[in-house]
């Protein structure tokens, strides 16, 4: 695992621009000579077959809790205010794994 310091350079909550059947949070992280995306999306297509309505609701609740936690850590009210916030991004096998807001420097 590798950890890199950077900032959130863009944040979008809503429908995916290229795949409008996906809904959620998309963040772009950049640092000194690197950049990557953190994507937390759910399929909302009418044709998507869920094992149950409860499972679908559970996944949407988890998505909302993830966004709420990120906003609280960053001490902001909306995803647009995340831009510029310092982060530590974790990579595993050169792939995005997770990130955290550097609350200690806010």
C-alpha atoms as a PDB file:
ATOM      1  CA  UNK A   1       0.000   0.000   0.000  1.00  0.00           C
ATOM      2  CA  UNK A   2       1.134   3.507  -0.794  1.00  0.00           C
ATOM      3  CA  UNK A   3      -0.167   6.806   0.591  1.00  0.00           C
ATOM      4  CA  UNK A   4       0.108  10.107  -1.273  1.00  0.00           C
ATOM      5  CA  UNK A   5      -0.682  13.635  -0.144  1.00  0.00           C
ATOM      6  CA  UNK A   6      -2.758  15.874  -2.375  1.00  0.00           C
ATOM      7  CA  UNK A   7      -5.950  17.894  -2.674  1.00  0.00           C
ATOM      8  CA  UNK A   8      -9.447  17.421  -3.998  1.00  0.00           C
ATOM      9  CA  UNK A   9      -9.401  19.160  -7.374  1.00  0.00           C
ATOM     10  CA  UNK A  10     -13.029  18.514  -8.366  1.00  0.00           C
ATOM     11  CA  UNK A  11     -16.166  17.156  -6.738  1.00  0.00           C
ATOM     12  CA  UNK A  12     -19.491  16.153  -8.252  1.00  0.00           C
ATOM     13  CA  UNK A  13     -22.584  14.648  -6.625  1.00  0.00           C
ATOM     14  CA  UNK A  14     -25.409  13.494  -8.850  1.00  0.00           C
ATOM     15  CA  UNK A  15     -25.717  11.621 -12.122  1.00  0.00           C
ATOM     16  CA  UNK A  16     -22.508  10.483 -13.791  1.00  0.00           C
ATOM     17  CA  UNK A  17     -21.864  12.670 -16.842  1.00  0.00           C
ATOM     18  CA  UNK A  18     -20.892   9.777 -19.120  1.00  0.00           C
ATOM     19  CA  UNK A  19     -23.117   7.080 -17.612  1.00  0.00           C
ATOM     20  CA  UNK A  20     -26.404   8.708 -16.505  1.00  0.00           C
ATOM     21  CA  UNK A  21     -27.667   5.426 -15.045  1.00  0.00           C
ATOM     22  CA  UNK A  22     -25.092   5.839 -12.242  1.00  0.00           C
ATOM     23  CA  UNK A  23     -25.671   8.193  -9.313  1.00  0.00           C
ATOM     24  CA  UNK A  24     -23.341   9.220  -6.514  1.00  0.00           C
ATOM     25  CA  UNK A  25     -20.143  11.023  -5.597  1.00  0.00           C
ATOM     26  CA  UNK A  26     -17.159  11.516  -7.893  1.00  0.00           C
ATOM     27  CA  UNK A  27     -13.981  13.134  -6.582  1.00  0.00           C
ATOM     28  CA  UNK A  28     -10.765  13.958  -8.414  1.00  0.00           C
ATOM     29  CA  UNK A  29      -7.565  13.999  -6.378  1.00  0.00           C
ATOM     30  CA  UNK A  30      -4.312  15.576  -7.511  1.00  0.00           C
ATOM     31  CA  UNK A  31      -0.873  15.863  -6.003  1.00  0.00           C
ATOM     32  CA  UNK A  32       2.682  16.545  -7.048  1.00  0.00           C
ATOM     33  CA  UNK A  33       2.808  14.791 -10.431  1.00  0.00           C
ATOM     34  CA  UNK A  34      -0.172  12.460  -9.929  1.00  0.00           C
ATOM     35  CA  UNK A  35      -3.957  12.418 -10.157  1.00  0.00           C
ATOM     36  CA  UNK A  36      -6.756   9.904  -9.699  1.00  0.00           C
ATOM     37  CA  UNK A  37     -10.498   9.588  -9.160  1.00  0.00           C
ATOM     38  CA  UNK A  38     -12.461   8.311  -6.200  1.00  0.00           C
ATOM     39  CA  UNK A  39     -15.857   7.179  -7.351  1.00  0.00           C
ATOM     40  CA  UNK A  40     -18.773   6.105  -5.153  1.00  0.00           C
ATOM     41  CA  UNK A  41     -21.670   5.300  -7.501  1.00  0.00           C
ATOM     42  CA  UNK A  42     -24.897   3.302  -7.467  1.00  0.00           C
ATOM     43  CA  UNK A  43     -26.814   1.966 -10.460  1.00  0.00           C
ATOM     44  CA  UNK A  44     -30.226   3.644 -10.630  1.00  0.00           C
ATOM     45  CA  UNK A  45     -31.352   2.267 -14.000  1.00  0.00           C
ATOM     46  CA  UNK A  46     -34.934   1.017 -14.107  1.00  0.00           C
ATOM     47  CA  UNK A  47     -33.584  -2.154 -15.694  1.00  0.00           C
ATOM     48  CA  UNK A  48     -31.222  -2.835 -12.780  1.00  0.00           C
ATOM     49  CA  UNK A  49     -32.363  -5.986 -10.995  1.00  0.00           C
ATOM     50  CA  UNK A  50     -31.900  -5.738  -7.244  1.00  0.00           C
ATOM     51  CA  UNK A  51     -32.166  -8.820  -5.061  1.00  0.00           C
ATOM     52  CA  UNK A  52     -34.604  -6.827  -2.925  1.00  0.00           C
ATOM     53  CA  UNK A  53     -35.830  -3.287  -2.402  1.00  0.00           C
ATOM     54  CA  UNK A  54     -34.283  -3.406   1.078  1.00  0.00           C
ATOM     55  CA  UNK A  55     -30.844  -4.122  -0.412  1.00  0.00           C
ATOM     56  CA  UNK A  56     -31.228  -1.202  -2.827  1.00  0.00           C
ATOM     57  CA  UNK A  57     -32.240   1.130   0.013  1.00  0.00           C
ATOM     58  CA  UNK A  58     -29.371  -0.142   2.174  1.00  0.00           C
ATOM     59  CA  UNK A  59     -26.831   0.682  -0.538  1.00  0.00           C
ATOM     60  CA  UNK A  60     -28.262   4.180  -1.040  1.00  0.00           C
ATOM     61  CA  UNK A  61     -28.199   4.760   2.720  1.00  0.00           C
ATOM     62  CA  UNK A  62     -24.512   3.717   2.817  1.00  0.00           C
ATOM     63  CA  UNK A  63     -23.759   6.114  -0.039  1.00  0.00           C
ATOM     64  CA  UNK A  64     -25.463   8.983   1.797  1.00  0.00           C
ATOM     65  CA  UNK A  65     -23.633   8.162   5.044  1.00  0.00           C
ATOM     66  CA  UNK A  66     -20.303   8.108   3.152  1.00  0.00           C
ATOM     67  CA  UNK A  67     -21.005  11.579   1.727  1.00  0.00           C
ATOM     68  CA  UNK A  68     -22.167  12.858   5.126  1.00  0.00           C
ATOM     69  CA  UNK A  69     -18.977  11.602   6.805  1.00  0.00           C
ATOM     70  CA  UNK A  70     -16.751  13.200   4.166  1.00  0.00           C
ATOM     71  CA  UNK A  71     -18.561  16.541   4.534  1.00  0.00           C
ATOM     72  CA  UNK A  72     -18.307  16.428   8.338  1.00  0.00           C
ATOM     73  CA  UNK A  73     -14.582  15.607   8.241  1.00  0.00           C
ATOM     74  CA  UNK A  74     -13.969  18.489   5.823  1.00  0.00           C
ATOM     75  CA  UNK A  75     -16.176  20.820   7.908  1.00  0.00           C
ATOM     76  CA  UNK A  76     -18.255  21.836   4.879  1.00  0.00           C
ATOM     77  CA  UNK A  77     -21.943  21.745   3.934  1.00  0.00           C
ATOM     78  CA  UNK A  78     -21.775  20.721   0.271  1.00  0.00           C
ATOM     79  CA  UNK A  79     -19.582  18.708  -2.062  1.00  0.00           C
ATOM     80  CA  UNK A  80     -18.648  21.828  -4.058  1.00  0.00           C
ATOM     81  CA  UNK A  81     -16.857  23.075  -0.930  1.00  0.00           C
ATOM     82  CA  UNK A  82     -14.593  19.981  -0.917  1.00  0.00           C
ATOM     83  CA  UNK A  83     -12.463  21.394  -3.749  1.00  0.00           C
ATOM     84  CA  UNK A  84      -9.057  22.378  -2.392  1.00  0.00           C
ATOM     85  CA  UNK A  85      -9.303  20.307   0.789  1.00  0.00           C
ATOM     86  CA  UNK A  86      -6.100  18.418   1.664  1.00  0.00           C
ATOM     87  CA  UNK A  87      -6.249  14.627   1.489  1.00  0.00           C
ATOM     88  CA  UNK A  88      -4.205  11.493   1.979  1.00  0.00           C
ATOM     89  CA  UNK A  89      -4.997   9.023  -0.808  1.00  0.00           C
ATOM     90  CA  UNK A  90      -4.285   5.317  -0.390  1.00  0.00           C
ATOM     91  CA  UNK A  91      -3.323   3.176  -3.370  1.00  0.00           C
ATOM     92  CA  UNK A  92      -3.078  -0.589  -3.483  1.00  0.00           C
ATOM     93  CA  UNK A  93      -1.381  -2.211  -6.488  1.00  0.00           C
ATOM     94  CA  UNK A  94      -1.344   1.234  -8.159  1.00  0.00           C
ATOM     95  CA  UNK A  95      -5.154   1.484  -7.886  1.00  0.00           C
ATOM     96  CA  UNK A  96      -7.193   3.923  -5.793  1.00  0.00           C
ATOM     97  CA  UNK A  97      -8.299   2.254  -2.571  1.00  0.00           C
ATOM     98  CA  UNK A  98      -9.493   5.028  -0.258  1.00  0.00           C
ATOM     99  CA  UNK A  99      -8.784   8.521   1.006  1.00  0.00           C
ATOM    100  CA  UNK A 100      -9.125  10.633   4.078  1.00  0.00           C
ATOM    101  CA  UNK A 101      -9.477  14.356   4.651  1.00  0.00           C
ATOM    102  CA  UNK A 102      -6.416  15.689   6.484  1.00  0.00           C
ATOM    103  CA  UNK A 103      -8.460  17.058   9.372  1.00  0.00           C
ATOM    104  CA  UNK A 104      -5.304  17.849  11.332  1.00  0.00           C
ATOM    105  CA  UNK A 105      -4.408  20.663   8.893  1.00  0.00           C
ATOM    106  CA  UNK A 106      -7.858  22.199   8.359  1.00  0.00           C
END
